[in-house]
Amino acid sequence: MKKGFVFDLDGVITDTAKYHYIAWKELAAEIGIEIDLKFNEQLKGISRMDSLERILTLGNKNDAYSSEEKDALASKKNTHYVQLLQSLTPDDLLPGVKTFLEEAKHKGIPCAIASASKNAPFILDKLGVMQDFDVIVDPATLSKGKPDPEIFIQAAKGLNIEPSDAVGFEDAQAGIDGIKAAGMYAVGVYSGEELHGADTIVEKLTDLSIDELLAK
């Protein structure tokens, strides 16, 4: 029997990818690099600095900025992103999320957020679901980003369960890889990207039976 649920945030609980894209695209344009939606798929599920490094690689500008300048660029992107997030409301929860979380709470199943986003608490508060999560892993405490399993292992530890007793939910390949490397059962939430290695794939959480998941 599974004993806990571990969720990614963007693309699983809500869709803030469009805001990330707007903020990254504007920052990239300022430094002479053009990105499009196809390239943006590479940025899903990874950290802010890893995203910046990929953009700089695209523009052959890896060595054009110091570490301090890169930090400043990443902070500028995040400031714009947070400004865009001000418009979030509970209506921005993805279909079925609230019902799924309420049922999990009713059944006494603890839930965690394992997201690379340092803005996760702010986003969950805007969405009105902060109280539905027992653990929010702080990405600043991690040494490696997805697809490394560290964030998922920490989430399970926070829930006081073994990773093998958890179900992980992700919409990005890096996340699915991390979930499986942690030894969890992986639910892929399809959002346009083909997912490999997931134990099951759904388009929305209402396509799932919590009882069936717990029995995996």
Protein backbone atom coordinates (compact mmCIF):
# COMPACT_ATOMS: atom_id res chain seq x y z
CA MET A 1 0.00 0.00 0.00
CA LYS A 2 1.19 3.49 -0.86
CA LYS A 3 1.23 5.98 1.99
CA GLY A 4 1.81 9.44 0.48
CA PHE A 5 1.65 11.62 -2.61
CA VAL A 6 4.45 13.84 -3.96
CA PHE A 7 3.53 16.48 -6.53
CA ASP A 8 5.43 18.67 -8.91
CA LEU A 9 3.84 22.13 -9.09
CA ASP A 10 3.98 23.61 -12.59
CA GLY A 11 1.93 21.52 -15.00
CA VAL A 12 0.47 19.30 -12.27
CA ILE A 13 -1.18 21.60 -9.71
CA THR A 14 -1.39 24.69 -11.91
CA ASP A 15 0.06 25.90 -15.20
CA THR A 16 2.50 28.74 -14.71
CA ALA A 17 4.63 27.64 -17.67
CA LYS A 18 3.22 30.49 -19.76
CA TYR A 19 4.46 33.00 -17.18
CA HIS A 20 7.90 31.39 -17.07
CA TYR A 21 8.03 31.56 -20.85
CA ILE A 22 7.06 35.24 -21.00
CA ALA A 23 9.66 36.16 -18.38
CA TRP A 24 12.46 34.07 -19.90
CA LYS A 25 11.69 35.23 -23.43
CA GLU A 26 11.86 38.88 -22.41
CA LEU A 27 15.12 38.41 -20.49
CA ALA A 28 16.67 36.43 -23.34
CA ALA A 29 15.72 39.14 -25.85
CA GLU A 30 17.41 41.75 -23.67
CA ILE A 31 20.73 39.89 -24.01
CA GLY A 32 20.31 39.18 -27.71
CA ILE A 33 18.99 35.61 -27.58
CA GLU A 34 15.70 34.48 -29.12
CA ILE A 35 13.81 31.53 -27.63
CA ASP A 36 10.57 29.95 -28.79
CA LEU A 37 7.97 27.62 -27.31
CA LYS A 38 9.78 24.53 -28.59
CA PHE A 39 12.97 25.53 -26.79
CA ASN A 40 10.92 26.40 -23.71
CA GLU A 41 10.03 22.71 -23.33
CA GLN A 42 13.66 22.16 -22.27
CA LEU A 43 13.17 24.51 -19.32
CA LYS A 44 10.28 22.64 -17.72
CA GLY A 45 11.02 21.04 -14.39
CA ILE A 46 14.56 22.36 -13.99
CA SER A 47 15.94 25.08 -11.74
CA ARG A 48 16.16 28.78 -12.49
CA MET A 49 19.95 28.74 -12.89
CA ASP A 50 19.90 25.61 -15.04
CA SER A 51 17.31 27.30 -17.26
CA LEU A 52 19.50 30.37 -17.60
CA GLU A 53 22.53 28.23 -18.47
CA ARG A 54 20.57 26.51 -21.24
CA ILE A 55 19.51 29.86 -22.66
CA LEU A 56 23.09 31.15 -22.57
CA THR A 57 24.27 27.95 -24.27
CA LEU A 58 21.68 28.48 -27.00
CA GLY A 59 23.09 31.94 -27.63
CA ASN A 60 26.75 30.85 -27.31
CA LYS A 61 27.13 33.19 -24.34
CA ASN A 62 28.12 30.78 -21.57
CA ASP A 63 31.30 32.73 -20.83
CA ALA A 64 29.89 36.19 -21.41
CA TYR A 65 28.74 36.69 -17.81
CA SER A 66 30.28 36.27 -14.38
CA SER A 67 28.57 34.25 -11.66
CA GLU A 68 27.36 37.48 -10.08
CA GLU A 69 25.96 38.72 -13.38
CA LYS A 70 24.18 35.41 -13.94
CA ASP A 71 22.64 35.66 -10.48
CA ALA A 72 21.43 39.15 -11.36
CA LEU A 73 19.92 37.95 -14.64
CA ALA A 74 18.11 35.09 -12.90
CA SER A 75 16.80 37.45 -10.21
CA LYS A 76 15.54 39.88 -12.85
CA LYS A 77 13.65 37.07 -14.57
CA ASN A 78 12.16 35.96 -11.26
CA THR A 79 11.01 39.48 -10.38
CA HIS A 80 9.12 39.69 -13.66
CA TYR A 81 7.72 36.17 -13.17
CA VAL A 82 6.44 36.96 -9.66
CA GLN A 83 4.78 40.11 -11.00
CA LEU A 84 2.95 37.98 -13.54
CA LEU A 85 1.88 35.55 -10.81
CA GLN A 86 0.00 38.27 -8.93
CA SER A 87 -3.05 37.49 -11.08
CA LEU A 88 -3.25 33.83 -9.92
CA THR A 89 -6.45 32.72 -8.16
CA PRO A 90 -7.96 29.35 -7.09
CA ASP A 91 -9.57 29.29 -10.54
CA ASP A 92 -6.08 28.62 -11.94
CA LEU A 93 -5.89 25.16 -10.36
CA LEU A 94 -5.78 22.51 -13.05
CA PRO A 95 -8.94 20.40 -13.52
CA GLY A 96 -9.58 17.94 -10.72
CA VAL A 97 -6.74 19.09 -8.47
CA LYS A 98 -8.85 20.49 -5.63
CA THR A 99 -11.13 17.44 -5.55
CA PHE A 100 -8.13 15.09 -5.59
CA LEU A 101 -6.40 16.92 -2.74
CA GLU A 102 -9.58 17.02 -0.67
CA GLU A 103 -10.12 13.29 -1.13
CA ALA A 104 -6.50 12.58 -0.19
CA LYS A 105 -6.91 14.62 2.99
CA HIS A 106 -10.19 12.84 3.80
CA LYS A 107 -8.39 9.50 3.48
CA GLY A 108 -5.51 10.70 5.65
CA ILE A 109 -2.93 10.57 2.86
CA PRO A 110 -0.17 13.19 3.39
CA CYS A 111 0.91 15.26 0.39
CA ALA A 112 4.15 17.02 -0.50
CA ILE A 113 5.32 19.48 -3.14
CA ALA A 114 8.61 18.67 -4.88
CA SER A 115 9.15 21.60 -7.21
CA ALA A 116 12.24 23.37 -8.49
CA SER A 117 10.32 26.63 -8.03
CA LYS A 118 11.47 28.78 -5.13
CA ASN A 119 8.10 30.52 -5.45
CA ALA A 120 6.07 27.40 -4.57
CA PRO A 121 4.74 28.70 -1.21
CA PHE A 122 3.65 31.99 -2.80
CA ILE A 123 1.94 30.17 -5.69
CA LEU A 124 0.15 27.67 -3.42
CA ASP A 125 -1.09 30.53 -1.26
CA LYS A 126 -2.47 32.37 -4.29
CA LEU A 127 -4.18 29.15 -5.40
CA GLY A 128 -5.72 28.64 -1.96
CA VAL A 129 -4.27 25.14 -1.42
CA MET A 130 -1.34 25.78 0.92
CA GLN A 131 -3.18 23.95 3.72
CA ASP A 132 -3.50 20.81 1.57
CA PHE A 133 0.25 20.09 1.69
CA ASP A 134 2.12 18.73 4.67
CA VAL A 135 5.58 19.30 3.16
CA ILE A 136 7.04 21.75 0.64
CA VAL A 137 10.62 20.87 -0.22
CA ASP A 138 12.80 23.97 -0.30
CA PRO A 139 14.90 23.73 -3.50
CA ALA A 140 17.52 25.95 -1.86
CA THR A 141 18.40 23.02 0.42
CA LEU A 142 19.20 20.69 -2.48
CA SER A 143 22.56 20.05 -4.09
CA LYS A 144 21.17 18.68 -7.35
CA GLY A 145 18.16 19.40 -9.53
CA LYS A 146 15.86 17.09 -11.45
CA PRO A 147 16.34 14.50 -12.94
CA ASP A 148 18.37 13.72 -9.83
CA PRO A 149 16.03 12.04 -7.31
CA GLU A 150 17.17 14.16 -4.35
CA ILE A 151 14.07 16.38 -4.22
CA PHE A 152 11.74 13.38 -4.25
CA ILE A 153 13.73 11.55 -1.60
CA GLN A 154 13.57 14.67 0.60
CA ALA A 155 9.81 14.91 0.04
CA ALA A 156 9.31 11.32 1.18
CA LYS A 157 11.55 11.94 4.19
CA GLY A 158 9.45 14.96 5.09
CA LEU A 159 6.33 12.80 4.94
CA ASN A 160 8.05 10.20 7.15
CA ILE A 161 7.65 7.45 4.55
CA GLU A 162 9.98 5.47 2.33
CA PRO A 163 10.21 6.66 -1.31
CA SER A 164 8.90 3.25 -2.40
CA ASP A 165 5.74 3.98 -0.41
CA ALA A 166 5.04 7.20 -2.34
CA VAL A 167 3.35 8.08 -5.61
CA GLY A 168 4.95 10.94 -7.57
CA PHE A 169 3.14 13.18 -10.04
CA GLU A 170 5.03 14.97 -12.84
CA ASP A 171 4.44 16.51 -16.26
CA ALA A 172 8.08 16.75 -17.39
CA GLN A 173 10.52 14.03 -18.41
CA ALA A 174 13.17 15.23 -15.97
CA GLY A 175 10.65 14.84 -13.19
CA ILE A 176 9.53 11.36 -14.24
CA ASP A 177 13.18 10.29 -14.38
CA GLY A 178 13.73 11.66 -10.88
CA ILE A 179 10.63 9.95 -9.48
CA LYS A 180 11.68 6.57 -10.87
CA ALA A 181 15.27 7.03 -9.69
CA ALA A 182 13.89 7.64 -6.20
CA GLY A 183 12.00 4.35 -6.36
CA MET A 184 8.51 5.86 -6.44
CA TYR A 185 5.48 4.94 -8.52
CA ALA A 186 5.30 7.59 -11.28
CA VAL A 187 2.15 9.24 -12.58
CA GLY A 188 2.77 11.28 -15.71
CA VAL A 189 0.40 14.21 -16.29
CA TYR A 190 0.35 14.74 -20.04
CA SER A 191 0.75 18.38 -21.04
CA GLY A 192 1.98 18.03 -24.61
CA GLU A 193 5.39 16.49 -23.90
CA GLU A 194 5.79 12.77 -24.51
CA LEU A 195 6.69 11.08 -21.24
CA HIS A 196 8.80 7.93 -21.04
CA GLY A 197 9.04 5.61 -18.07
CA ALA A 198 5.89 6.70 -16.23
CA ASP A 199 3.89 3.87 -14.66
CA THR A 200 0.67 5.50 -15.78
CA ILE A 201 -0.18 8.61 -17.81
CA VAL A 202 -3.29 10.76 -17.45
CA GLU A 203 -4.45 14.12 -18.77
CA LYS A 204 -5.97 15.25 -15.47
CA LEU A 205 -6.07 14.02 -11.90
CA THR A 206 -9.77 13.19 -12.12
CA ASP A 207 -8.77 10.34 -14.43
CA LEU A 208 -7.23 8.63 -11.37
CA SER A 209 -8.70 6.57 -8.55
CA ILE A 210 -6.98 7.31 -5.25
CA ASP A 211 -7.90 3.87 -3.92
CA GLU A 212 -6.31 2.20 -6.94
CA LEU A 213 -3.15 4.31 -6.56
CA LEU A 214 -2.85 3.43 -2.89
CA ALA A 215 -3.04 -0.26 -3.80
CA LYS A 216 -0.05 -0.07 -6.20
